[in-house]
Amino acid sequence: MNDPATTTPGLTDEGKRFINFDNQTFQWVSIKLFGLSGQDLDDRTVLARLIADRRYRDSYGGTGDEDMETIHGPFQLAAITVDSFVPTQAAAEIATLEEWAQKYAPLPETVAEQVETEVYQRLRDATSRYRLENPGEDQFHEWGFAIGNNGFHELVVIDRAAGSVALIVASDD
């Protein structure tokens, strides 16, 4: 997985996790993991390199289309910049995600355990966290309306102590 030819300088591909809620809500969480080399990179540079990375381009449309050229989730990729991300706190994001995750159906116990370990613990351990501000429906791509009917939540979690970056997307399709 750590093919230097397919990574952005400062970020290495460390794999991904996918949590399917499996509760008839079509909700899921995708976590793309990156190693962070060059601890001297500031957060804005990390965000810029993440956006530039080919793994950021993903439709999340359930079609298997990854590494899209011009889209990210429901949005046109060009609408997303470093300034689209705002600093946030773990407690606030955990509360938002907990409410979203159980809005339509309870989480199965095994899924709740995965979300705690893979998402909430990462948020608590991070040295910095950023939330993607919604660029607006006018920035949807032609079928972007089909993603995130129950919400599209994107977080970038930087853990300098662990030398890692996690792109967490929680949505539905």
N, C-alpha and C. Protein backbone atom coordinates (compact mmCIF):
# COMPACT_ATOMS: atom_id res chain seq x y z
N MET A 1 0.79 -1.20 0.00
CA MET A 1 0.00 0.00 0.00
C MET A 1 0.84 1.26 0.00
N ASN A 2 1.99 1.21 0.57
CA ASN A 2 2.81 2.41 0.68
C ASN A 2 3.64 2.62 -0.57
N ASP A 3 3.02 2.78 -1.70
CA ASP A 3 3.68 3.02 -2.96
C ASP A 3 3.97 4.51 -3.08
N PRO A 4 5.25 4.91 -2.99
CA PRO A 4 5.57 6.33 -3.03
C PRO A 4 5.09 7.02 -4.31
N ALA A 5 4.93 6.28 -5.38
CA ALA A 5 4.48 6.88 -6.63
C ALA A 5 3.02 7.30 -6.57
N THR A 6 2.28 6.78 -5.60
CA THR A 6 0.85 7.09 -5.54
C THR A 6 0.49 7.88 -4.28
N THR A 7 1.47 8.51 -3.69
CA THR A 7 1.19 9.32 -2.51
C THR A 7 1.68 10.74 -2.74
N THR A 8 1.23 11.61 -1.88
CA THR A 8 1.62 13.00 -1.92
C THR A 8 2.78 13.21 -0.95
N PRO A 9 3.76 14.04 -1.28
CA PRO A 9 4.87 14.25 -0.34
C PRO A 9 4.36 14.61 1.05
N GLY A 10 4.90 13.92 2.04
CA GLY A 10 4.50 14.14 3.43
C GLY A 10 3.41 13.21 3.90
N LEU A 11 2.69 12.57 2.97
CA LEU A 11 1.61 11.63 3.32
C LEU A 11 1.88 10.28 2.67
N THR A 12 1.74 9.24 3.45
CA THR A 12 1.87 7.89 2.90
C THR A 12 0.57 7.13 3.11
N ASP A 13 0.21 6.31 2.17
CA ASP A 13 -1.01 5.52 2.23
C ASP A 13 -0.88 4.46 3.32
N GLU A 14 -1.75 4.54 4.31
CA GLU A 14 -1.74 3.58 5.41
C GLU A 14 -3.02 2.73 5.42
N GLY A 15 -3.74 2.74 4.32
CA GLY A 15 -4.93 1.88 4.22
C GLY A 15 -6.21 2.62 4.56
N LYS A 16 -7.26 1.84 4.72
CA LYS A 16 -8.55 2.43 5.03
C LYS A 16 -9.38 1.48 5.86
N ARG A 17 -10.38 2.02 6.47
CA ARG A 17 -11.37 1.27 7.25
C ARG A 17 -12.74 1.68 6.71
N PHE A 18 -13.66 0.75 6.73
CA PHE A 18 -15.02 1.06 6.31
C PHE A 18 -15.96 0.42 7.32
N ILE A 19 -16.84 1.23 7.87
CA ILE A 19 -17.81 0.74 8.85
C ILE A 19 -19.20 0.90 8.25
N ASN A 20 -19.81 -0.22 7.92
CA ASN A 20 -21.18 -0.23 7.40
C ASN A 20 -22.11 -0.39 8.59
N PHE A 21 -23.05 0.52 8.75
CA PHE A 21 -23.92 0.47 9.92
C PHE A 21 -24.82 -0.76 9.90
N ASP A 22 -25.12 -1.29 8.74
CA ASP A 22 -25.87 -2.54 8.62
C ASP A 22 -27.15 -2.52 9.46
N ASN A 23 -27.84 -1.36 9.41
CA ASN A 23 -29.10 -1.23 10.16
C ASN A 23 -30.21 -0.64 9.29
N GLN A 24 -30.10 -0.87 8.00
CA GLN A 24 -31.10 -0.46 7.00
C GLN A 24 -31.19 1.06 6.84
N THR A 25 -30.16 1.80 7.22
CA THR A 25 -30.18 3.25 7.06
C THR A 25 -29.29 3.70 5.90
N PHE A 26 -28.51 2.81 5.33
CA PHE A 26 -27.54 3.11 4.28
C PHE A 26 -26.43 4.02 4.78
N GLN A 27 -26.26 4.14 6.11
CA GLN A 27 -25.22 4.97 6.70
C GLN A 27 -23.93 4.17 6.85
N TRP A 28 -22.83 4.88 6.80
CA TRP A 28 -21.51 4.27 6.90
C TRP A 28 -20.48 5.33 7.31
N VAL A 29 -19.29 4.84 7.67
CA VAL A 29 -18.15 5.71 7.92
C VAL A 29 -16.97 5.14 7.15
N SER A 30 -16.33 6.00 6.38
CA SER A 30 -15.11 5.65 5.65
C SER A 30 -13.96 6.40 6.30
N ILE A 31 -12.87 5.68 6.58
CA ILE A 31 -11.70 6.30 7.18
C ILE A 31 -10.50 5.96 6.31
N LYS A 32 -9.89 6.98 5.73
CA LYS A 32 -8.67 6.80 4.95
C LYS A 32 -7.52 7.25 5.82
N LEU A 33 -6.53 6.38 5.95
CA LEU A 33 -5.42 6.61 6.87
C LEU A 33 -4.15 6.96 6.10
N PHE A 34 -3.43 7.91 6.65
CA PHE A 34 -2.18 8.37 6.05
C PHE A 34 -1.12 8.47 7.13
N GLY A 35 0.09 8.06 6.79
CA GLY A 35 1.23 8.34 7.65
C GLY A 35 1.67 9.76 7.37
N LEU A 36 2.10 10.45 8.40
CA LEU A 36 2.54 11.84 8.27
C LEU A 36 4.04 11.89 8.48
N SER A 37 4.75 12.13 7.39
CA SER A 37 6.20 12.30 7.52
C SER A 37 6.48 13.79 7.45
N GLY A 38 7.50 14.20 8.05
CA GLY A 38 7.80 15.63 8.07
C GLY A 38 6.96 16.33 9.12
N GLN A 39 7.28 16.11 10.37
CA GLN A 39 6.53 16.69 11.48
C GLN A 39 6.54 18.21 11.44
N ASP A 40 7.41 18.79 10.60
CA ASP A 40 7.49 20.25 10.53
C ASP A 40 6.42 20.85 9.63
N LEU A 41 5.59 20.03 8.98
CA LEU A 41 4.51 20.54 8.15
C LEU A 41 3.42 21.14 9.03
N ASP A 42 3.02 22.38 8.74
CA ASP A 42 1.94 22.96 9.52
C ASP A 42 0.60 22.37 9.06
N ASP A 43 -0.45 22.60 9.83
CA ASP A 43 -1.74 21.98 9.53
C ASP A 43 -2.28 22.40 8.17
N ARG A 44 -2.12 23.65 7.79
CA ARG A 44 -2.61 24.10 6.47
C ARG A 44 -1.91 23.35 5.34
N THR A 45 -0.62 23.10 5.50
CA THR A 45 0.11 22.35 4.49
C THR A 45 -0.37 20.91 4.44
N VAL A 46 -0.62 20.32 5.61
CA VAL A 46 -1.16 18.96 5.66
C VAL A 46 -2.51 18.90 4.94
N LEU A 47 -3.39 19.86 5.23
CA LEU A 47 -4.69 19.89 4.56
C LEU A 47 -4.54 20.05 3.05
N ALA A 48 -3.66 20.93 2.62
CA ALA A 48 -3.45 21.15 1.19
C ALA A 48 -2.94 19.88 0.51
N ARG A 49 -2.03 19.20 1.16
CA ARG A 49 -1.50 17.96 0.56
C ARG A 49 -2.56 16.86 0.56
N LEU A 50 -3.39 16.82 1.58
CA LEU A 50 -4.47 15.84 1.60
C LEU A 50 -5.43 16.07 0.43
N ILE A 51 -5.85 17.31 0.24
CA ILE A 51 -6.76 17.64 -0.86
C ILE A 51 -6.13 17.29 -2.21
N ALA A 52 -4.82 17.46 -2.32
CA ALA A 52 -4.12 17.17 -3.57
C ALA A 52 -3.91 15.67 -3.80
N ASP A 53 -4.01 14.89 -2.75
CA ASP A 53 -3.75 13.45 -2.87
C ASP A 53 -4.83 12.75 -3.68
N ARG A 54 -4.46 11.82 -4.52
CA ARG A 54 -5.42 11.10 -5.36
C ARG A 54 -6.46 10.37 -4.53
N ARG A 55 -6.12 9.96 -3.31
CA ARG A 55 -7.09 9.22 -2.49
C ARG A 55 -8.19 10.13 -1.96
N TYR A 56 -7.99 11.44 -2.01
CA TYR A 56 -9.04 12.35 -1.56
C TYR A 56 -10.20 12.36 -2.55
N ARG A 57 -9.90 12.11 -3.81
CA ARG A 57 -10.91 12.13 -4.87
C ARG A 57 -11.70 10.83 -4.83
N ASP A 58 -12.86 10.88 -4.22
CA ASP A 58 -13.69 9.69 -4.05
C ASP A 58 -15.14 10.14 -4.07
N SER A 59 -15.95 9.45 -4.83
CA SER A 59 -17.36 9.84 -4.93
C SER A 59 -18.16 9.47 -3.69
N TYR A 60 -17.72 8.44 -2.97
CA TYR A 60 -18.47 7.92 -1.83
C TYR A 60 -19.91 7.58 -2.23
N GLY A 61 -20.10 7.28 -3.50
CA GLY A 61 -21.44 7.01 -4.01
C GLY A 61 -21.83 5.55 -3.99
N GLY A 62 -21.01 4.70 -3.42
CA GLY A 62 -21.35 3.29 -3.35
C GLY A 62 -21.18 2.57 -4.67
N THR A 63 -20.57 3.23 -5.64
CA THR A 63 -20.41 2.64 -6.95
C THR A 63 -19.04 2.02 -7.14
N GLY A 64 -18.18 2.18 -6.17
CA GLY A 64 -16.82 1.68 -6.31
C GLY A 64 -15.92 2.68 -7.02
N ASP A 65 -16.48 3.82 -7.40
CA ASP A 65 -15.68 4.84 -8.08
C ASP A 65 -14.80 5.55 -7.08
N GLU A 66 -13.53 5.25 -7.12
CA GLU A 66 -12.58 5.95 -6.28
C GLU A 66 -11.62 6.71 -7.19
N ASP A 67 -10.89 7.61 -6.63
CA ASP A 67 -9.90 8.39 -7.37
C ASP A 67 -10.55 9.11 -8.53
N MET A 68 -11.66 9.75 -8.28
CA MET A 68 -12.35 10.53 -9.29
C MET A 68 -11.47 11.72 -9.68
N GLU A 69 -11.71 12.27 -10.82
CA GLU A 69 -10.89 13.38 -11.29
C GLU A 69 -11.35 14.74 -10.77
N THR A 70 -12.65 14.95 -10.69
CA THR A 70 -13.13 16.30 -10.40
C THR A 70 -14.15 16.37 -9.27
N ILE A 71 -14.40 15.25 -8.58
CA ILE A 71 -15.40 15.29 -7.51
C ILE A 71 -14.85 14.71 -6.21
N HIS A 72 -15.50 15.12 -5.14
CA HIS A 72 -15.22 14.57 -3.81
C HIS A 72 -16.55 14.53 -3.08
N GLY A 73 -17.01 13.32 -2.76
CA GLY A 73 -18.32 13.19 -2.14
C GLY A 73 -19.36 13.80 -3.06
N PRO A 74 -20.27 14.59 -2.52
CA PRO A 74 -21.30 15.19 -3.37
C PRO A 74 -20.83 16.45 -4.09
N PHE A 75 -19.58 16.89 -3.85
CA PHE A 75 -19.14 18.21 -4.29
C PHE A 75 -18.19 18.17 -5.47
N GLN A 76 -18.13 19.29 -6.18
CA GLN A 76 -17.08 19.51 -7.17
C GLN A 76 -15.78 19.69 -6.39
N LEU A 77 -14.74 19.00 -6.78
CA LEU A 77 -13.46 19.09 -6.08
C LEU A 77 -12.94 20.52 -6.04
N ALA A 78 -13.16 21.28 -7.10
CA ALA A 78 -12.66 22.66 -7.16
C ALA A 78 -13.26 23.56 -6.08
N ALA A 79 -14.39 23.17 -5.51
CA ALA A 79 -15.03 23.97 -4.46
C ALA A 79 -14.38 23.78 -3.10
N ILE A 80 -13.47 22.81 -2.98
CA ILE A 80 -12.86 22.49 -1.69
C ILE A 80 -11.42 23.00 -1.66
N THR A 81 -11.15 23.87 -0.69
CA THR A 81 -9.81 24.41 -0.50
C THR A 81 -9.43 24.24 0.97
N VAL A 82 -8.23 24.60 1.29
CA VAL A 82 -7.78 24.56 2.69
C VAL A 82 -8.71 25.41 3.55
N ASP A 83 -9.16 26.53 3.02
CA ASP A 83 -10.04 27.41 3.79
C ASP A 83 -11.44 26.84 3.98
N SER A 84 -11.75 25.72 3.31
CA SER A 84 -13.04 25.05 3.50
C SER A 84 -13.09 24.28 4.81
N PHE A 85 -11.93 24.10 5.44
CA PHE A 85 -11.84 23.34 6.68
C PHE A 85 -11.73 24.28 7.87
N VAL A 86 -12.52 24.03 8.90
CA VAL A 86 -12.49 24.85 10.11
C VAL A 86 -12.06 24.00 11.30
N PRO A 87 -11.26 24.58 12.19
CA PRO A 87 -10.87 23.83 13.40
C PRO A 87 -12.10 23.47 14.21
N THR A 88 -12.03 22.32 14.87
CA THR A 88 -13.15 21.87 15.68
C THR A 88 -12.63 21.11 16.89
N GLN A 89 -13.54 20.78 17.79
CA GLN A 89 -13.19 20.07 19.02
C GLN A 89 -13.75 18.65 18.98
N ALA A 90 -13.07 17.74 19.63
CA ALA A 90 -13.49 16.34 19.65
C ALA A 90 -14.89 16.19 20.23
N ALA A 91 -15.16 16.81 21.35
CA ALA A 91 -16.46 16.62 22.01
C ALA A 91 -17.61 17.07 21.12
N ALA A 92 -17.45 18.18 20.43
CA ALA A 92 -18.50 18.69 19.55
C ALA A 92 -18.75 17.74 18.39
N GLU A 93 -17.69 17.24 17.79
CA GLU A 93 -17.85 16.34 16.64
C GLU A 93 -18.40 14.98 17.06
N ILE A 94 -17.98 14.50 18.21
CA ILE A 94 -18.52 13.22 18.71
C ILE A 94 -20.01 13.37 18.96
N ALA A 95 -20.43 14.46 19.57
CA ALA A 95 -21.86 14.68 19.81
C ALA A 95 -22.65 14.73 18.51
N THR A 96 -22.12 15.44 17.51
CA THR A 96 -22.78 15.52 16.21
C THR A 96 -22.89 14.15 15.56
N LEU A 97 -21.79 13.41 15.57
CA LEU A 97 -21.79 12.09 14.94
C LEU A 97 -22.68 11.09 15.68
N GLU A 98 -22.69 11.16 17.01
CA GLU A 98 -23.56 10.27 17.78
C GLU A 98 -25.03 10.51 17.43
N GLU A 99 -25.41 11.78 17.36
CA GLU A 99 -26.79 12.11 17.01
C GLU A 99 -27.12 11.63 15.59
N TRP A 100 -26.22 11.91 14.64
CA TRP A 100 -26.42 11.48 13.26
C TRP A 100 -26.50 9.96 13.15
N ALA A 101 -25.60 9.27 13.84
CA ALA A 101 -25.51 7.81 13.71
C ALA A 101 -26.77 7.09 14.18
N GLN A 102 -27.47 7.66 15.15
CA GLN A 102 -28.62 6.96 15.72
C GLN A 102 -29.95 7.67 15.45
N LYS A 103 -29.93 8.59 14.49
CA LYS A 103 -31.14 9.36 14.20
C LYS A 103 -32.26 8.50 13.64
N TYR A 104 -31.92 7.51 12.83
CA TYR A 104 -32.94 6.72 12.14
C TYR A 104 -33.07 5.30 12.65
N ALA A 105 -32.03 4.79 13.30
CA ALA A 105 -32.07 3.43 13.85
C ALA A 105 -30.91 3.27 14.81
N PRO A 106 -31.09 2.44 15.82
CA PRO A 106 -29.97 2.21 16.75
C PRO A 106 -28.83 1.48 16.04
N LEU A 107 -27.63 1.74 16.52
CA LEU A 107 -26.47 1.04 15.98
C LEU A 107 -26.36 -0.35 16.59
N PRO A 108 -26.09 -1.35 15.78
CA PRO A 108 -25.78 -2.66 16.35
C PRO A 108 -24.56 -2.54 17.26
N GLU A 109 -24.50 -3.35 18.28
CA GLU A 109 -23.43 -3.25 19.28
C GLU A 109 -22.05 -3.34 18.66
N THR A 110 -21.84 -4.26 17.73
CA THR A 110 -20.51 -4.40 17.12
C THR A 110 -20.14 -3.16 16.31
N VAL A 111 -21.12 -2.54 15.68
CA VAL A 111 -20.86 -1.32 14.91
C VAL A 111 -20.54 -0.18 15.87
N ALA A 112 -21.29 -0.06 16.95
CA ALA A 112 -21.03 0.98 17.95
C ALA A 112 -19.60 0.87 18.49
N GLU A 113 -19.14 -0.36 18.71
CA GLU A 113 -17.77 -0.58 19.19
C GLU A 113 -16.75 -0.13 18.15
N GLN A 114 -17.01 -0.43 16.87
CA GLN A 114 -16.11 0.00 15.81
C GLN A 114 -16.06 1.52 15.72
N VAL A 115 -17.21 2.17 15.78
CA VAL A 115 -17.26 3.63 15.70
C VAL A 115 -16.50 4.24 16.88
N GLU A 116 -16.65 3.69 18.06
CA GLU A 116 -15.92 4.18 19.23
C GLU A 116 -14.42 4.09 19.00
N THR A 117 -13.95 2.93 18.57
CA THR A 117 -12.51 2.69 18.40
C THR A 117 -11.92 3.44 17.22
N GLU A 118 -12.58 3.35 16.08
CA GLU A 118 -12.02 3.89 14.84
C GLU A 118 -12.27 5.38 14.64
N VAL A 119 -13.35 5.91 15.21
CA VAL A 119 -13.70 7.31 14.98
C VAL A 119 -13.52 8.14 16.25
N TYR A 120 -14.30 7.84 17.28
CA TYR A 120 -14.30 8.68 18.47
C TYR A 120 -12.94 8.71 19.16
N GLN A 121 -12.27 7.57 19.25
CA GLN A 121 -10.96 7.55 19.91
C GLN A 121 -9.94 8.35 19.10
N ARG A 122 -10.00 8.26 17.77
CA ARG A 122 -9.11 9.07 16.94
C ARG A 122 -9.34 10.56 17.19
N LEU A 123 -10.60 10.95 17.29
CA LEU A 123 -10.92 12.36 17.55
C LEU A 123 -10.36 12.81 18.89
N ARG A 124 -10.49 11.96 19.90
CA ARG A 124 -9.98 12.33 21.24
C ARG A 124 -8.46 12.42 21.26
N ASP A 125 -7.79 11.51 20.55
CA ASP A 125 -6.32 11.43 20.59
C ASP A 125 -5.63 12.48 19.73
N ALA A 126 -6.34 13.07 18.80
CA ALA A 126 -5.73 13.97 17.81
C ALA A 126 -5.12 15.21 18.44
N THR A 127 -4.11 15.74 17.77
CA THR A 127 -3.54 17.02 18.17
C THR A 127 -4.29 18.17 17.52
N SER A 128 -4.94 17.90 16.38
CA SER A 128 -5.82 18.90 15.75
C SER A 128 -6.87 18.19 14.90
N ARG A 129 -8.01 18.88 14.77
CA ARG A 129 -9.16 18.32 14.06
C ARG A 129 -9.77 19.42 13.22
N TYR A 130 -10.22 19.04 12.01
CA TYR A 130 -10.84 20.01 11.12
C TYR A 130 -12.10 19.40 10.51
N ARG A 131 -13.11 20.23 10.36
CA ARG A 131 -14.37 19.82 9.74
C ARG A 131 -14.51 20.55 8.42
N LEU A 132 -14.92 19.81 7.38
CA LEU A 132 -15.19 20.43 6.08
C LEU A 132 -16.50 21.18 6.18
N GLU A 133 -16.44 22.46 5.89
CA GLU A 133 -17.66 23.27 5.81
C GLU A 133 -18.33 22.95 4.49
N ASN A 134 -19.63 22.79 4.50
CA ASN A 134 -20.38 22.47 3.30
C ASN A 134 -20.26 23.64 2.31
N PRO A 135 -19.70 23.38 1.11
CA PRO A 135 -19.55 24.48 0.16
C PRO A 135 -20.87 24.91 -0.50
N GLY A 136 -21.94 24.18 -0.24
CA GLY A 136 -23.25 24.58 -0.73
C GLY A 136 -23.75 23.69 -1.86
N GLU A 137 -25.06 23.61 -1.96
CA GLU A 137 -25.67 22.76 -2.98
C GLU A 137 -25.32 23.20 -4.39
N ASP A 138 -24.99 24.46 -4.57
CA ASP A 138 -24.60 24.91 -5.91
C ASP A 138 -23.24 24.33 -6.32
N GLN A 139 -22.55 23.69 -5.38
CA GLN A 139 -21.27 23.05 -5.68
C GLN A 139 -21.39 21.53 -5.83
N PHE A 140 -22.62 21.00 -5.80
CA PHE A 140 -22.83 19.57 -6.05
C PHE A 140 -22.44 19.26 -7.50
N HIS A 141 -21.89 18.05 -7.69
CA HIS A 141 -21.70 17.59 -9.07
C HIS A 141 -23.03 17.03 -9.57
N GLU A 142 -23.08 16.55 -10.78
CA GLU A 142 -24.36 16.23 -11.41
C GLU A 142 -25.20 15.21 -10.66
N TRP A 143 -24.60 14.30 -9.92
CA TRP A 143 -25.40 13.36 -9.11
C TRP A 143 -25.04 13.44 -7.63
N GLY A 144 -24.48 14.56 -7.22
CA GLY A 144 -24.10 14.76 -5.83
C GLY A 144 -25.27 14.73 -4.86
N PHE A 145 -26.45 15.04 -5.35
CA PHE A 145 -27.64 15.02 -4.50
C PHE A 145 -27.91 13.63 -3.92
N ALA A 146 -27.35 12.58 -4.51
CA ALA A 146 -27.61 11.21 -4.08
C ALA A 146 -26.76 10.79 -2.88
N ILE A 147 -25.77 11.60 -2.52
CA ILE A 147 -24.88 11.27 -1.41
C ILE A 147 -25.19 12.19 -0.25
N GLY A 148 -25.32 11.61 0.92
CA GLY A 148 -25.50 12.42 2.12
C GLY A 148 -26.91 12.90 2.35
N ASN A 149 -27.89 12.14 1.93
CA ASN A 149 -29.28 12.53 2.19
C ASN A 149 -29.54 12.68 3.68
N ASN A 150 -28.86 11.88 4.49
CA ASN A 150 -29.01 11.95 5.94
C ASN A 150 -27.86 12.72 6.59
N GLY A 151 -27.03 13.35 5.76
CA GLY A 151 -25.90 14.13 6.26
C GLY A 151 -24.59 13.69 5.64
N PHE A 152 -23.70 14.63 5.41
CA PHE A 152 -22.35 14.35 4.92
C PHE A 152 -21.40 15.05 5.87
N HIS A 153 -20.68 14.25 6.65
CA HIS A 153 -19.78 14.78 7.67
C HIS A 153 -18.35 14.39 7.29
N GLU A 154 -17.49 15.37 7.16
CA GLU A 154 -16.10 15.09 6.83
C GLU A 154 -15.19 15.76 7.84
N LEU A 155 -14.28 14.95 8.38
CA LEU A 155 -13.32 15.43 9.37
C LEU A 155 -11.92 15.01 8.95
N VAL A 156 -10.96 15.89 9.20
CA VAL A 156 -9.56 15.54 9.04
C VAL A 156 -8.95 15.59 10.43
N VAL A 157 -8.36 14.47 10.82
CA VAL A 157 -7.83 14.30 12.17
C VAL A 157 -6.32 14.12 12.07
N ILE A 158 -5.60 15.06 12.66
CA ILE A 158 -4.13 15.02 12.63
C ILE A 158 -3.64 14.64 14.02
N ASP A 159 -2.84 13.59 14.08
CA ASP A 159 -2.27 13.13 15.34
C ASP A 159 -0.75 13.16 15.19
N ARG A 160 -0.15 14.24 15.60
CA ARG A 160 1.29 14.40 15.41
C ARG A 160 2.10 13.41 16.25
N ALA A 161 1.60 13.07 17.43
CA ALA A 161 2.30 12.10 18.28
C ALA A 161 2.39 10.74 17.60
N ALA A 162 1.33 10.36 16.91
CA ALA A 162 1.30 9.07 16.21
C ALA A 162 1.83 9.19 14.78
N GLY A 163 2.06 10.41 14.32
CA GLY A 163 2.52 10.62 12.95
C GLY A 163 1.47 10.17 11.94
N SER A 164 0.20 10.56 12.19
CA SER A 164 -0.87 10.08 11.31
C SER A 164 -1.88 11.17 10.99
N VAL A 165 -2.57 10.94 9.88
CA VAL A 165 -3.69 11.77 9.46
C VAL A 165 -4.81 10.81 9.08
N ALA A 166 -6.02 11.12 9.52
CA ALA A 166 -7.17 10.30 9.14
C ALA A 166 -8.21 11.20 8.49
N LEU A 167 -8.69 10.78 7.33
CA LEU A 167 -9.80 11.45 6.66
C LEU A 167 -11.04 10.63 6.99
N ILE A 168 -11.93 11.20 7.78
CA ILE A 168 -13.14 10.50 8.23
C ILE A 168 -14.33 11.10 7.52
N VAL A 169 -15.04 10.27 6.77
CA VAL A 169 -16.27 10.69 6.10
C VAL A 169 -17.40 9.80 6.62
N ALA A 170 -18.43 10.44 7.16
CA ALA A 170 -19.61 9.73 7.66
C ALA A 170 -20.80 10.21 6.84
N SER A 171 -21.47 9.27 6.17
CA SER A 171 -22.56 9.67 5.28
C SER A 171 -23.46 8.48 4.98
N ASP A 172 -24.17 8.59 3.88
CA ASP A 172 -25.04 7.53 3.41
C ASP A 172 -25.12 7.61 1.90
N ASP A 173 -25.56 6.53 1.31
CA ASP A 173 -25.78 6.55 -0.15
C ASP A 173 -27.00 5.73 -0.49
